[in-house]
Amino acid sequence: MPNLTLNFRPDSLGAGTPVSIYLPDEITDDMPVLYLLHGMHGDHMSWLNGSAIGRYARALKIAVIMPSVGNSFYCNMKYGGRYHDYVAIELPEYIGKLLPFITKKREKTFIAGLSMGGYGAVKLALRNPDRFCACASLSGALDMNVDVKAGDPGWLTIVKSIWGEDYETALPGSEDDILHLLKNFPADKPKPRIYAACGTSDFLYEQNQTFRRAIAETEFEFKYEEGPGAHTWVFWDKWIVPAIKFLFAEIK
């Protein structure tokens, strides 16, 4: 399976940024695609180095796109790049022009991620339901309203760069608040299918339970799974397999 690393300069960032692309050995038209997102302190190589994603993708004959976004939480930052716009809009458009055999159809376009990337995957799917038909979160930070209120000075520096000095009031009820997006999802938009998994020893376990309770009050198609494990690649490499099965269940 070819592994490509490109340097792309999107307008939303104003600087070059790397993206890794995995392609099947056999190239076919209208190829399904998975946008796969890294966690905090990760990059476009995280999934390649930490998991067997290449082997899983090869079996399904899908393309996998892995961007690098720093610690942006896939947001249009107050003091930084517009990373939501990059991953949700500019990157898919660029990939479509560069690799025209990759699908442009919603029903064959998926997004998943771990930790910060799990948050990003769910948020991007909820905000861009016309592009992503399903999303998956592994150990996702699914209630950022909790996260922004606690942490060391280094964490608060990241939070302020994203939402500004008034982060405690800027995030709740905004387009970066997943619970708000669930509750206020537009009635005229197609609902993305959603998968979440979390280890029972993960420090984000309670956030996943909060998300489960919130989505239970909606009409989204949702599947949640859990098992022994913490915030580690041992858990993520295992659980990306059922996540992919959920995402691609409707692809023949």
Foldseek 3Di string as FASTA:
>chain_A
DDKDKDWDQDPQANGTWIKIKAAAPDQAAQAFEEEEEEAAPDANCCCVVLAVVNVLCNVVRHMYMYGGDHHQLQDCWPQGGHSVCVVLPVVVVVCCVVPVRHRQAQLRYEYEYEASRNLVRLLSCLVCVRRHQAYEYELYLQACLVVQVDDDPVSVVSQCRGQNPVSNPRPPCDSSGNLNSLVPRDPPGRAHAYEYEYEPAEPSVVVVVVVVVSNVVDDHHYYYYYYHDYRGSVRVNVPVNVVVCVSCVVPD
